[in-house]
Amino acid sequence: MKLHELRDNDGAARKRKRVGRGPGSGIGKTGGRGIKGQKSRSGVAINGYEGGQMPLYQRLPKRGFNKPNRKAFAVVNLSKIQEFIDNGRLDANDITEDSLVSAGVVRRKLDGVRLLGKGELTAKAAITVTGASRGAVEAVEKAGGSVTLPAVADA
């Protein structure tokens, strides 16, 4: 086999549709856009436009509220922590938010790390995080470990 003999299998690659390249192509002249009208011209942006009528997305009532200063927590489950302890990538005696980031359990701290109770924790671990679910705290204490949370200051 020579370099110039290399080619795809039959039907492996579909040829690119070249619009407006003459009558023989089947999509020449108007290029599949029909005749006249807004959509036959360039620069058309009519998504959601209903011809002067109030658009559907504006007729529907607004629901809910997005708090502008809400906190975003990085979440980590007990199963993930146990997996990293088993692999030797985390020290069970001193698990902090910084150690979770450096080990690669979570990508970044955001506004803090929140511990959730999905999975099983068998190692005796001392964990210091911003938040934890009640089930996660119970599971860690059942395994003989401890969860330390910062004291919440009343405003």
Protein backbone atom coordinates (compact mmCIF):
# COMPACT_ATOMS: atom_id res chain seq x y z
CA MET A 1 0.00 0.00 0.00
CA LYS A 2 1.22 3.44 -0.90
CA LEU A 3 0.50 6.78 0.74
CA HIS A 4 -1.61 8.00 -2.19
CA GLU A 5 -3.77 4.88 -2.01
CA LEU A 6 -5.04 5.60 1.54
CA ARG A 7 -8.75 6.47 1.77
CA ASP A 8 -11.77 6.05 4.04
CA ASN A 9 -14.00 2.99 3.88
CA ASP A 10 -17.06 3.43 1.68
CA GLY A 11 -19.75 5.33 3.58
CA ALA A 12 -17.43 6.26 6.46
CA ALA A 13 -17.33 9.99 5.71
CA ARG A 14 -20.21 12.06 4.34
CA LYS A 15 -19.25 14.86 1.98
CA ARG A 16 -19.82 18.42 3.11
CA LYS A 17 -22.94 20.11 1.71
CA ARG A 18 -21.74 23.00 -0.48
CA VAL A 19 -24.72 25.33 -0.79
CA GLY A 20 -25.16 27.67 -3.77
CA ARG A 21 -22.68 25.99 -6.13
CA GLY A 22 -24.73 25.79 -9.33
CA PRO A 23 -27.86 24.00 -10.55
CA GLY A 24 -26.14 20.62 -10.85
CA SER A 25 -25.60 20.39 -7.10
CA GLY A 26 -29.32 20.32 -6.32
CA ILE A 27 -28.92 23.17 -3.82
CA GLY A 28 -27.73 25.95 -6.13
CA LYS A 29 -29.30 29.34 -6.88
CA THR A 30 -31.36 30.07 -3.72
CA GLY A 31 -29.38 27.51 -1.69
CA GLY A 32 -32.35 25.80 -0.05
CA ARG A 33 -33.75 29.06 1.35
CA GLY A 34 -36.76 29.37 -0.95
CA ILE A 35 -37.64 32.67 -2.65
CA LYS A 36 -37.66 36.09 -0.96
CA GLY A 37 -38.73 36.77 2.59
CA GLN A 38 -36.88 37.43 5.81
CA LYS A 39 -35.43 33.93 6.15
CA SER A 40 -33.94 34.01 2.68
CA ARG A 41 -31.77 36.98 3.61
CA SER A 42 -28.64 37.12 5.73
CA GLY A 43 -28.52 38.40 9.30
CA VAL A 44 -31.81 36.83 10.43
CA ALA A 45 -32.43 36.39 14.16
CA ILE A 46 -36.07 35.52 14.78
CA ASN A 47 -35.89 32.96 17.59
CA GLY A 48 -38.74 33.58 20.00
CA TYR A 49 -40.25 36.30 17.79
CA GLU A 50 -43.98 35.81 17.28
CA GLY A 51 -44.79 38.50 14.75
CA GLY A 52 -45.58 41.40 17.04
CA GLN A 53 -47.55 39.27 19.47
CA MET A 54 -46.28 39.08 23.07
CA PRO A 55 -43.84 36.12 23.05
CA LEU A 56 -44.71 33.01 25.05
CA TYR A 57 -41.73 33.38 27.39
CA GLN A 58 -42.95 36.88 28.33
CA ARG A 59 -46.58 35.82 28.79
CA LEU A 60 -45.71 33.20 31.40
CA PRO A 61 -45.41 34.33 35.03
CA LYS A 62 -42.02 34.63 36.66
CA ARG A 63 -41.30 32.03 39.33
CA GLY A 64 -38.72 31.86 42.06
CA PHE A 65 -35.78 34.00 42.98
CA ASN A 66 -32.03 33.67 42.58
CA LYS A 67 -30.25 35.12 45.56
CA PRO A 68 -27.39 37.30 44.26
CA ASN A 69 -25.12 36.69 47.26
CA ARG A 70 -25.84 32.97 47.73
CA LYS A 71 -23.08 30.66 48.86
CA ALA A 72 -21.83 27.89 46.59
CA PHE A 73 -20.29 24.91 48.36
CA ALA A 74 -18.06 22.21 46.91
CA VAL A 75 -19.71 18.93 47.91
CA VAL A 76 -17.88 15.75 48.83
CA ASN A 77 -19.37 12.39 49.80
CA LEU A 78 -18.08 9.97 52.42
CA SER A 79 -17.48 7.29 49.77
CA LYS A 80 -15.07 9.61 47.91
CA ILE A 81 -13.12 10.39 51.10
CA GLN A 82 -12.89 6.66 51.93
CA GLU A 83 -11.65 5.91 48.41
CA PHE A 84 -8.86 8.51 48.70
CA ILE A 85 -7.88 7.26 52.19
CA ASP A 86 -7.67 3.69 50.85
CA ASN A 87 -5.46 4.85 47.95
CA GLY A 88 -3.16 6.66 50.39
CA ARG A 89 -3.86 10.07 48.88
CA LEU A 90 -5.47 11.43 52.08
CA ASP A 91 -4.30 11.29 55.70
CA ALA A 92 -7.31 10.20 57.77
CA ASN A 93 -6.05 11.95 60.91
CA ASP A 94 -6.08 15.42 59.36
CA ILE A 95 -8.63 16.05 56.62
CA THR A 96 -9.14 19.76 55.93
CA GLU A 97 -10.57 21.69 53.00
CA ASP A 98 -7.03 22.46 51.77
CA SER A 99 -5.98 18.80 51.94
CA LEU A 100 -9.12 17.81 49.99
CA VAL A 101 -8.20 20.29 47.24
CA SER A 102 -4.53 19.29 47.10
CA ALA A 103 -5.44 15.57 46.99
CA GLY A 104 -7.87 16.24 44.15
CA VAL A 105 -11.07 15.17 45.94
CA VAL A 106 -12.63 18.54 45.08
CA ARG A 107 -11.42 20.95 42.42
CA ARG A 108 -11.78 24.16 44.45
CA LYS A 109 -13.18 25.26 47.80
CA LEU A 110 -15.63 27.91 46.50
CA ASP A 111 -17.37 29.25 49.66
CA GLY A 112 -16.42 26.13 51.58
CA VAL A 113 -16.68 22.35 51.43
CA ARG A 114 -19.85 20.55 52.51
CA LEU A 115 -19.69 16.90 53.59
CA LEU A 116 -22.58 14.66 52.52
CA GLY A 117 -23.41 11.20 53.81
CA LYS A 118 -23.57 9.15 50.60
CA GLY A 119 -21.51 5.98 50.83
CA GLU A 120 -19.70 4.21 53.66
CA LEU A 121 -16.83 5.47 55.81
CA THR A 122 -14.84 2.79 57.62
CA ALA A 123 -11.69 4.76 58.48
CA LYS A 124 -11.41 6.72 61.72
CA ALA A 125 -11.16 10.22 60.25
CA ALA A 126 -10.82 13.70 61.72
CA ILE A 127 -12.54 16.01 59.26
CA THR A 128 -12.66 19.83 59.34
CA VAL A 129 -15.07 21.37 56.82
CA THR A 130 -17.43 24.34 56.49
CA GLY A 131 -20.63 22.28 56.53
CA ALA A 132 -21.90 18.73 56.87
CA SER A 133 -25.23 16.95 56.71
CA ARG A 134 -26.55 15.32 59.89
CA GLY A 135 -26.24 11.85 58.33
CA ALA A 136 -22.62 12.49 57.36
CA VAL A 137 -21.69 13.59 60.89
CA GLU A 138 -23.39 10.50 62.36
CA ALA A 139 -21.61 8.18 59.90
CA VAL A 140 -18.18 9.67 60.68
CA GLU A 141 -18.76 9.46 64.46
CA LYS A 142 -20.04 5.87 64.08
CA ALA A 143 -16.71 4.98 62.42
CA GLY A 144 -14.91 6.51 65.42
CA GLY A 145 -13.97 9.81 63.78
CA SER A 146 -14.95 13.42 64.31
CA VAL A 147 -16.32 16.28 62.22
CA THR A 148 -15.34 19.84 63.16
CA LEU A 149 -17.51 22.67 61.84
CA PRO A 150 -16.84 26.40 62.30
CA ALA A 151 -19.00 28.13 64.90
CA VAL A 152 -21.85 29.98 63.22
CA ALA A 153 -21.78 33.64 64.28
CA ASP A 154 -25.20 35.19 64.88
CA ALA A 155 -25.60 38.43 62.96
